[in-house]
Amino acid sequence: MQALLAAELIKLRTTRTFLALAGVTIATSMLITGLVASLATPTADSVLTDVFTSDTSGLFILVLAVVGITGEWRHRTITSSLLAAPDRMRFLGAKTLAFAAAGVVLSVVVAVVVTILGLAILSSRGLPTPTSGDLIDLALRNALIAGLFGALGVGIGSIVRNQPVAIVGILVVSFVIEPILIALVPGVGRYGPFGALPAAIQDLPQNGLGGDVDLLAPGLALLTMAAWIAVLFAIGATLLRRRDLNA
């Protein structure tokens, strides 16, 4: 398993897609933070939420994970990959762990960059800044969410092999279906893996979800996210075992 995981991590580090998306993630997070810190006038109570919650690594690692697993089928590399690792469950497990780890690392990098930029701008404007403890806590929660999104993306991509369909489906569910559920059926919407559960894990006073939604406690939200990942992984592993690699 260690050799498989190492191979997947090397594959991640050396692909142009990962480097490009990592760059876009850092750039967009810095842009949002810079604009908000420069234009807004946050209070001591709202500065953490207003300025330092622009970590976009979760969304990008989710997309990257889907691209990574569906790309095996799209580029017909799945056969050679499974020849090197005949145990399909281990292959999928290594993919899941690799993208989860990539999500954590990417989120930590974004947190460092965003924190430095945000603090520099706020200090230059004479505005309040969060405590180091609050910033570290937020960074750890964001890294956890990004890791979960990486694992979730592999599960989704292992079920939906068509890359464009999988990515568009995620965007539709994230930005259309889940917000509708949160607004109309909050008791159901709070179990959504793309919006409500990450917001609950982040545990911020202003979650920006809208609607009268009572979020789960952070610990319970984490367990629910883990359940989503486990279910998708089980379905994906079952399909992978049965699929004809030449189909």
C-alpha atoms as a PDB file:
ATOM      1  CA  MET A   1       0.000   0.000   0.000  1.00  0.00           C
ATOM      2  CA  GLN A   2       2.854   2.379   0.796  1.00  0.00           C
ATOM      3  CA  ALA A   3       4.363   1.869  -2.644  1.00  0.00           C
ATOM      4  CA  LEU A   4       0.996   2.536  -4.293  1.00  0.00           C
ATOM      5  CA  LEU A   5       0.474   5.669  -2.244  1.00  0.00           C
ATOM      6  CA  ALA A   6       3.972   6.911  -3.039  1.00  0.00           C
ATOM      7  CA  ALA A   7       3.370   6.312  -6.745  1.00  0.00           C
ATOM      8  CA  GLU A   8       0.103   8.243  -6.655  1.00  0.00           C
ATOM      9  CA  LEU A   9       1.727  11.151  -4.835  1.00  0.00           C
ATOM     10  CA  ILE A  10       4.551  11.266  -7.375  1.00  0.00           C
ATOM     11  CA  LYS A  11       1.975  11.198 -10.166  1.00  0.00           C
ATOM     12  CA  LEU A  12       0.176  14.119  -8.540  1.00  0.00           C
ATOM     13  CA  ARG A  13       3.304  16.220  -8.086  1.00  0.00           C
ATOM     14  CA  THR A  14       4.417  15.775 -11.661  1.00  0.00           C
ATOM     15  CA  THR A  15       1.154  16.409 -13.521  1.00  0.00           C
ATOM     16  CA  ARG A  16       0.510  19.776 -15.139  1.00  0.00           C
ATOM     17  CA  THR A  17      -3.134  19.685 -14.091  1.00  0.00           C
ATOM     18  CA  PHE A  18      -2.263  19.574 -10.400  1.00  0.00           C
ATOM     19  CA  LEU A  19       0.285  22.368 -10.705  1.00  0.00           C
ATOM     20  CA  ALA A  20      -2.151  24.496 -12.716  1.00  0.00           C
ATOM     21  CA  LEU A  21      -5.059  23.994 -10.320  1.00  0.00           C
ATOM     22  CA  ALA A  22      -2.806  24.557  -7.314  1.00  0.00           C
ATOM     23  CA  GLY A  23      -1.708  27.858  -8.842  1.00  0.00           C
ATOM     24  CA  VAL A  24      -5.296  28.865  -9.553  1.00  0.00           C
ATOM     25  CA  THR A  25      -6.312  27.930  -6.011  1.00  0.00           C
ATOM     26  CA  ILE A  26      -3.614  30.087  -4.452  1.00  0.00           C
ATOM     27  CA  ALA A  27      -4.272  32.963  -6.855  1.00  0.00           C
ATOM     28  CA  THR A  28      -8.042  33.036  -6.333  1.00  0.00           C
ATOM     29  CA  SER A  29      -7.694  32.764  -2.560  1.00  0.00           C
ATOM     30  CA  MET A  30      -5.189  35.634  -2.520  1.00  0.00           C
ATOM     31  CA  LEU A  31      -7.371  37.730  -4.816  1.00  0.00           C
ATOM     32  CA  ILE A  32     -10.465  37.335  -2.643  1.00  0.00           C
ATOM     33  CA  THR A  33      -8.547  37.955   0.566  1.00  0.00           C
ATOM     34  CA  GLY A  34      -6.767  40.977  -0.865  1.00  0.00           C
ATOM     35  CA  LEU A  35      -9.964  42.571  -2.135  1.00  0.00           C
ATOM     36  CA  VAL A  36     -11.933  41.974   1.064  1.00  0.00           C
ATOM     37  CA  ALA A  37      -9.099  43.115   3.332  1.00  0.00           C
ATOM     38  CA  SER A  38      -8.594  46.227   1.201  1.00  0.00           C
ATOM     39  CA  LEU A  39     -12.226  47.236   0.741  1.00  0.00           C
ATOM     40  CA  ALA A  40     -14.120  45.983   3.797  1.00  0.00           C
ATOM     41  CA  THR A  41     -14.078  47.407   7.289  1.00  0.00           C
ATOM     42  CA  PRO A  42     -14.433  44.363   9.535  1.00  0.00           C
ATOM     43  CA  THR A  43     -14.896  44.546  13.282  1.00  0.00           C
ATOM     44  CA  ALA A  44     -12.881  42.580  15.814  1.00  0.00           C
ATOM     45  CA  ASP A  45     -15.737  40.057  15.992  1.00  0.00           C
ATOM     46  CA  SER A  46     -16.213  39.625  12.243  1.00  0.00           C
ATOM     47  CA  VAL A  47     -12.673  39.954  10.868  1.00  0.00           C
ATOM     48  CA  LEU A  48     -11.938  36.220  10.920  1.00  0.00           C
ATOM     49  CA  THR A  49     -15.087  35.379   8.984  1.00  0.00           C
ATOM     50  CA  ASP A  50     -14.974  38.383   6.680  1.00  0.00           C
ATOM     51  CA  VAL A  51     -11.343  38.220   5.574  1.00  0.00           C
ATOM     52  CA  PHE A  52      -9.787  34.842   6.260  1.00  0.00           C
ATOM     53  CA  THR A  53     -12.357  32.338   4.952  1.00  0.00           C
ATOM     54  CA  SER A  54     -11.393  32.587   1.284  1.00  0.00           C
ATOM     55  CA  ASP A  55      -9.641  29.222   1.090  1.00  0.00           C
ATOM     56  CA  THR A  56     -10.777  27.790  -2.257  1.00  0.00           C
ATOM     57  CA  SER A  57      -8.648  24.640  -1.991  1.00  0.00           C
ATOM     58  CA  GLY A  58     -11.654  22.448  -1.122  1.00  0.00           C
ATOM     59  CA  LEU A  59     -13.434  23.115  -4.416  1.00  0.00           C
ATOM     60  CA  PHE A  60     -10.310  22.772  -6.541  1.00  0.00           C
ATOM     61  CA  ILE A  61      -9.072  19.573  -4.890  1.00  0.00           C
ATOM     62  CA  LEU A  62     -12.557  18.117  -5.332  1.00  0.00           C
ATOM     63  CA  VAL A  63     -12.405  18.830  -9.054  1.00  0.00           C
ATOM     64  CA  LEU A  64      -8.805  17.639  -9.251  1.00  0.00           C
ATOM     65  CA  ALA A  65      -9.677  14.340  -7.577  1.00  0.00           C
ATOM     66  CA  VAL A  66     -12.494  13.758 -10.048  1.00  0.00           C
ATOM     67  CA  VAL A  67     -10.148  14.587 -12.925  1.00  0.00           C
ATOM     68  CA  GLY A  68      -7.487  12.286 -11.492  1.00  0.00           C
ATOM     69  CA  ILE A  69      -9.639   9.169 -11.241  1.00  0.00           C
ATOM     70  CA  THR A  70     -11.762   9.730 -14.357  1.00  0.00           C
ATOM     71  CA  GLY A  71      -8.617  10.569 -16.325  1.00  0.00           C
ATOM     72  CA  GLU A  72      -7.483   6.976 -15.832  1.00  0.00           C
ATOM     73  CA  TRP A  73     -10.403   5.922 -18.012  1.00  0.00           C
ATOM     74  CA  ARG A  74     -10.379   8.904 -20.334  1.00  0.00           C
ATOM     75  CA  HIS A  75      -6.716   8.449 -21.265  1.00  0.00           C
ATOM     76  CA  ARG A  76      -6.859   4.637 -21.109  1.00  0.00           C
ATOM     77  CA  THR A  77      -4.185   4.442 -18.415  1.00  0.00           C
ATOM     78  CA  ILE A  78      -6.406   2.402 -16.098  1.00  0.00           C
ATOM     79  CA  THR A  79      -5.183  -0.872 -17.630  1.00  0.00           C
ATOM     80  CA  SER A  80      -1.496  -0.163 -17.057  1.00  0.00           C
ATOM     81  CA  SER A  81      -2.255   1.213 -13.592  1.00  0.00           C
ATOM     82  CA  LEU A  82      -4.044  -1.969 -12.572  1.00  0.00           C
ATOM     83  CA  LEU A  83      -1.391  -4.159 -14.131  1.00  0.00           C
ATOM     84  CA  ALA A  84       1.051  -2.496 -11.748  1.00  0.00           C
ATOM     85  CA  ALA A  85      -1.457  -2.781  -8.895  1.00  0.00           C
ATOM     86  CA  PRO A  86      -3.789  -5.729  -9.560  1.00  0.00           C
ATOM     87  CA  ASP A  87      -5.678  -5.291  -6.280  1.00  0.00           C
ATOM     88  CA  ARG A  88      -8.320  -2.816  -7.353  1.00  0.00           C
ATOM     89  CA  MET A  89      -9.386  -2.010  -3.806  1.00  0.00           C
ATOM     90  CA  ARG A  90      -5.818  -1.024  -2.900  1.00  0.00           C
ATOM     91  CA  PHE A  91      -5.538   1.011  -6.093  1.00  0.00           C
ATOM     92  CA  LEU A  92      -8.661   2.999  -5.237  1.00  0.00           C
ATOM     93  CA  GLY A  93      -7.585   3.319  -1.611  1.00  0.00           C
ATOM     94  CA  ALA A  94      -4.213   4.743  -2.649  1.00  0.00           C
ATOM     95  CA  LYS A  95      -5.947   7.254  -4.923  1.00  0.00           C
ATOM     96  CA  THR A  96      -8.232   8.308  -2.088  1.00  0.00           C
ATOM     97  CA  LEU A  97      -5.408   8.792   0.401  1.00  0.00           C
ATOM     98  CA  ALA A  98      -3.237  10.611  -2.142  1.00  0.00           C
ATOM     99  CA  PHE A  99      -5.868  13.197  -3.018  1.00  0.00           C
ATOM    100  CA  ALA A 100      -6.858  13.602   0.624  1.00  0.00           C
ATOM    101  CA  ALA A 101      -3.211  14.317   1.467  1.00  0.00           C
ATOM    102  CA  ALA A 102      -2.915  16.688  -1.493  1.00  0.00           C
ATOM    103  CA  GLY A 103      -5.976  18.574  -0.275  1.00  0.00           C
ATOM    104  CA  VAL A 104      -4.500  19.003   3.192  1.00  0.00           C
ATOM    105  CA  VAL A 105      -1.135  20.223   1.881  1.00  0.00           C
ATOM    106  CA  LEU A 106      -2.707  22.604  -0.621  1.00  0.00           C
ATOM    107  CA  SER A 107      -5.015  24.056   2.029  1.00  0.00           C
ATOM    108  CA  VAL A 108      -2.106  24.614   4.433  1.00  0.00           C
ATOM    109  CA  VAL A 109      -0.170  26.479   1.729  1.00  0.00           C
ATOM    110  CA  VAL A 110      -3.219  28.611   0.973  1.00  0.00           C
ATOM    111  CA  ALA A 111      -3.735  29.315   4.687  1.00  0.00           C
ATOM    112  CA  VAL A 112      -0.160  30.566   5.084  1.00  0.00           C
ATOM    113  CA  VAL A 113      -0.361  32.813   2.029  1.00  0.00           C
ATOM    114  CA  VAL A 114      -3.819  34.163   2.867  1.00  0.00           C
ATOM    115  CA  THR A 115      -2.887  34.812   6.498  1.00  0.00           C
ATOM    116  CA  ILE A 116       0.266  36.757   5.598  1.00  0.00           C
ATOM    117  CA  LEU A 117      -1.568  38.819   2.980  1.00  0.00           C
ATOM    118  CA  GLY A 118      -4.630  39.490   5.113  1.00  0.00           C
ATOM    119  CA  LEU A 119      -2.663  40.479   8.201  1.00  0.00           C
ATOM    120  CA  ALA A 120      -0.395  42.759   6.183  1.00  0.00           C
ATOM    121  CA  ILE A 121      -3.290  44.645   4.596  1.00  0.00           C
ATOM    122  CA  LEU A 122      -5.350  44.898   7.777  1.00  0.00           C
ATOM    123  CA  SER A 123      -2.355  46.091   9.790  1.00  0.00           C
ATOM    124  CA  SER A 124      -1.509  48.730   7.211  1.00  0.00           C
ATOM    125  CA  ARG A 125      -5.094  50.019   7.444  1.00  0.00           C
ATOM    126  CA  GLY A 126      -5.086  50.016  11.228  1.00  0.00           C
ATOM    127  CA  LEU A 127      -7.930  47.482  11.396  1.00  0.00           C
ATOM    128  CA  PRO A 128      -8.337  44.677  13.948  1.00  0.00           C
ATOM    129  CA  THR A 129      -6.795  41.293  13.264  1.00  0.00           C
ATOM    130  CA  PRO A 130      -7.729  37.829  14.565  1.00  0.00           C
ATOM    131  CA  THR A 131      -5.741  36.071  17.256  1.00  0.00           C
ATOM    132  CA  SER A 132      -3.160  33.516  16.199  1.00  0.00           C
ATOM    133  CA  GLY A 133      -5.214  30.813  17.913  1.00  0.00           C
ATOM    134  CA  ASP A 134      -8.283  31.620  15.814  1.00  0.00           C
ATOM    135  CA  LEU A 135      -6.226  31.641  12.624  1.00  0.00           C
ATOM    136  CA  ILE A 136      -4.603  28.295  13.403  1.00  0.00           C
ATOM    137  CA  ASP A 137      -7.955  26.740  14.311  1.00  0.00           C
ATOM    138  CA  LEU A 138      -9.501  27.959  11.060  1.00  0.00           C
ATOM    139  CA  ALA A 139      -6.522  26.720   9.033  1.00  0.00           C
ATOM    140  CA  LEU A 140      -6.742  23.256  10.593  1.00  0.00           C
ATOM    141  CA  ARG A 141     -10.478  23.026   9.926  1.00  0.00           C
ATOM    142  CA  ASN A 142     -10.020  24.162   6.317  1.00  0.00           C
ATOM    143  CA  ALA A 143      -7.238  21.617   5.814  1.00  0.00           C
ATOM    144  CA  LEU A 144      -9.491  18.877   7.185  1.00  0.00           C
ATOM    145  CA  ILE A 145     -12.295  19.919   4.837  1.00  0.00           C
ATOM    146  CA  ALA A 146      -9.933  19.968   1.838  1.00  0.00           C
ATOM    147  CA  GLY A 147      -8.698  16.479   2.723  1.00  0.00           C
ATOM    148  CA  LEU A 148     -12.270  15.214   2.951  1.00  0.00           C
ATOM    149  CA  PHE A 149     -13.102  16.823  -0.393  1.00  0.00           C
ATOM    150  CA  GLY A 150     -10.127  15.090  -1.985  1.00  0.00           C
ATOM    151  CA  ALA A 151     -11.374  11.715  -0.790  1.00  0.00           C
ATOM    152  CA  LEU A 152     -14.957  12.583  -1.762  1.00  0.00           C
ATOM    153  CA  GLY A 153     -13.881  13.501  -5.290  1.00  0.00           C
ATOM    154  CA  VAL A 154     -12.203  10.141  -5.820  1.00  0.00           C
ATOM    155  CA  GLY A 155     -15.377   8.391  -4.704  1.00  0.00           C
ATOM    156  CA  ILE A 156     -17.515  10.399  -7.109  1.00  0.00           C
ATOM    157  CA  GLY A 157     -15.098   9.931  -9.999  1.00  0.00           C
ATOM    158  CA  SER A 158     -14.907   6.187  -9.401  1.00  0.00           C
ATOM    159  CA  ILE A 159     -18.676   5.969  -9.892  1.00  0.00           C
ATOM    160  CA  VAL A 160     -19.131   8.462 -12.737  1.00  0.00           C
ATOM    161  CA  ARG A 161     -16.388   7.686 -15.242  1.00  0.00           C
ATOM    162  CA  ASN A 162     -17.364  10.452 -17.685  1.00  0.00           C
ATOM    163  CA  GLN A 163     -15.205  13.403 -16.644  1.00  0.00           C
ATOM    164  CA  PRO A 164     -17.344  16.323 -17.887  1.00  0.00           C
ATOM    165  CA  VAL A 165     -20.528  14.750 -16.509  1.00  0.00           C
ATOM    166  CA  ALA A 166     -18.927  14.202 -13.103  1.00  0.00           C
ATOM    167  CA  ILE A 167     -17.568  17.763 -12.858  1.00  0.00           C
ATOM    168  CA  VAL A 168     -20.763  19.425 -14.104  1.00  0.00           C
ATOM    169  CA  GLY A 169     -22.790  17.220 -11.770  1.00  0.00           C
ATOM    170  CA  ILE A 170     -20.720  18.349  -8.779  1.00  0.00           C
ATOM    171  CA  LEU A 171     -21.130  22.016  -9.725  1.00  0.00           C
ATOM    172  CA  VAL A 172     -24.884  21.643 -10.207  1.00  0.00           C
ATOM    173  CA  VAL A 173     -25.328  19.875  -6.879  1.00  0.00           C
ATOM    174  CA  SER A 174     -23.033  22.335  -5.063  1.00  0.00           C
ATOM    175  CA  PHE A 175     -24.423  25.586  -6.418  1.00  0.00           C
ATOM    176  CA  VAL A 176     -28.023  24.707  -7.317  1.00  0.00           C
ATOM    177  CA  ILE A 177     -29.458  21.604  -5.670  1.00  0.00           C
ATOM    178  CA  GLU A 178     -27.922  21.903  -2.193  1.00  0.00           C
ATOM    179  CA  PRO A 179     -28.792  25.616  -1.799  1.00  0.00           C
ATOM    180  CA  ILE A 180     -32.375  24.833  -2.825  1.00  0.00           C
ATOM    181  CA  LEU A 181     -32.575  22.028  -0.276  1.00  0.00           C
ATOM    182  CA  ILE A 182     -31.086  24.252   2.424  1.00  0.00           C
ATOM    183  CA  ALA A 183     -33.631  26.968   1.663  1.00  0.00           C
ATOM    184  CA  LEU A 184     -36.698  24.757   1.247  1.00  0.00           C
ATOM    185  CA  VAL A 185     -35.949  21.602   3.260  1.00  0.00           C
ATOM    186  CA  PRO A 186     -33.239  22.601   5.764  1.00  0.00           C
ATOM    187  CA  GLY A 187     -33.636  19.355   7.700  1.00  0.00           C
ATOM    188  CA  VAL A 188     -32.410  17.524   4.600  1.00  0.00           C
ATOM    189  CA  GLY A 189     -30.075  20.201   3.264  1.00  0.00           C
ATOM    190  CA  ARG A 190     -27.925  20.207   6.390  1.00  0.00           C
ATOM    191  CA  TYR A 191     -26.616  16.768   5.413  1.00  0.00           C
ATOM    192  CA  GLY A 192     -25.283  18.002   2.060  1.00  0.00           C
ATOM    193  CA  PRO A 193     -21.596  17.125   1.577  1.00  0.00           C
ATOM    194  CA  PHE A 194     -20.659  20.187  -0.476  1.00  0.00           C
ATOM    195  CA  GLY A 195     -22.113  23.047   1.559  1.00  0.00           C
ATOM    196  CA  ALA A 196     -23.747  22.392   4.901  1.00  0.00           C
ATOM    197  CA  LEU A 197     -21.401  19.741   6.290  1.00  0.00           C
ATOM    198  CA  PRO A 198     -18.188  21.661   5.476  1.00  0.00           C
ATOM    199  CA  ALA A 199     -19.765  24.803   6.977  1.00  0.00           C
ATOM    200  CA  ALA A 200     -20.598  22.840  10.125  1.00  0.00           C
ATOM    201  CA  ILE A 201     -17.044  21.485  10.375  1.00  0.00           C
ATOM    202  CA  GLN A 202     -15.677  24.992   9.870  1.00  0.00           C
ATOM    203  CA  ASP A 203     -17.853  26.070  12.835  1.00  0.00           C
ATOM    204  CA  LEU A 204     -18.016  29.775  12.055  1.00  0.00           C
ATOM    205  CA  PRO A 205     -20.787  32.018  13.399  1.00  0.00           C
ATOM    206  CA  GLN A 206     -21.696  33.249   9.900  1.00  0.00           C
ATOM    207  CA  ASN A 207     -21.863  30.370   7.467  1.00  0.00           C
ATOM    208  CA  GLY A 208     -23.411  32.262   4.559  1.00  0.00           C
ATOM    209  CA  LEU A 209     -25.621  29.327   3.605  1.00  0.00           C
ATOM    210  CA  GLY A 210     -28.907  31.171   3.818  1.00  0.00           C
ATOM    211  CA  GLY A 211     -32.172  29.622   4.826  1.00  0.00           C
ATOM    212  CA  ASP A 212     -33.230  28.555   8.286  1.00  0.00           C
ATOM    213  CA  VAL A 213     -30.764  25.698   8.598  1.00  0.00           C
ATOM    214  CA  ASP A 214     -29.632  24.273  11.903  1.00  0.00           C
ATOM    215  CA  LEU A 215     -26.171  22.919  11.143  1.00  0.00           C
ATOM    216  CA  LEU A 216     -24.907  19.739  12.741  1.00  0.00           C
ATOM    217  CA  ALA A 217     -22.322  19.895  15.489  1.00  0.00           C
ATOM    218  CA  PRO A 218     -18.769  19.856  14.042  1.00  0.00           C
ATOM    219  CA  GLY A 219     -18.003  16.352  15.295  1.00  0.00           C
ATOM    220  CA  LEU A 220     -21.239  14.913  13.945  1.00  0.00           C
ATOM    221  CA  ALA A 221     -20.718  16.739  10.639  1.00  0.00           C
ATOM    222  CA  LEU A 222     -17.266  15.166  10.373  1.00  0.00           C
ATOM    223  CA  LEU A 223     -18.707  11.691  10.945  1.00  0.00           C
ATOM    224  CA  THR A 224     -21.415  12.342   8.345  1.00  0.00           C
ATOM    225  CA  MET A 225     -18.823  13.450   5.791  1.00  0.00           C
ATOM    226  CA  ALA A 226     -16.839  10.300   6.538  1.00  0.00           C
ATOM    227  CA  ALA A 227     -20.010   8.285   5.949  1.00  0.00           C
ATOM    228  CA  TRP A 228     -20.534   9.957   2.563  1.00  0.00           C
ATOM    229  CA  ILE A 229     -16.952   9.117   1.591  1.00  0.00           C
ATOM    230  CA  ALA A 230     -17.254   5.518   2.806  1.00  0.00           C
ATOM    231  CA  VAL A 231     -20.476   4.932   0.873  1.00  0.00           C
ATOM    232  CA  LEU A 232     -19.121   6.421  -2.351  1.00  0.00           C
ATOM    233  CA  PHE A 233     -15.860   4.495  -1.952  1.00  0.00           C
ATOM    234  CA  ALA A 234     -17.759   1.218  -1.455  1.00  0.00           C
ATOM    235  CA  ILE A 235     -19.901   1.812  -4.530  1.00  0.00           C
ATOM    236  CA  GLY A 236     -16.891   2.878  -6.602  1.00  0.00           C
ATOM    237  CA  ALA A 237     -14.840  -0.128  -5.486  1.00  0.00           C
ATOM    238  CA  THR A 238     -17.690  -2.503  -6.338  1.00  0.00           C
ATOM    239  CA  LEU A 239     -18.076  -0.989  -9.803  1.00  0.00           C
ATOM    240  CA  LEU A 240     -14.317  -1.028 -10.389  1.00  0.00           C
ATOM    241  CA  ARG A 241     -14.157  -4.738  -9.609  1.00  0.00           C
ATOM    242  CA  ARG A 242     -16.906  -5.506 -12.115  1.00  0.00           C
ATOM    243  CA  ARG A 243     -15.968  -3.159 -14.922  1.00  0.00           C
ATOM    244  CA  ASP A 244     -14.335  -4.304 -18.113  1.00  0.00           C
ATOM    245  CA  LEU A 245     -11.169  -2.237 -18.424  1.00  0.00           C
ATOM    246  CA  ASN A 246     -11.463  -2.227 -22.210  1.00  0.00           C
ATOM    247  CA  ALA A 247     -15.041  -0.935 -22.202  1.00  0.00           C
END
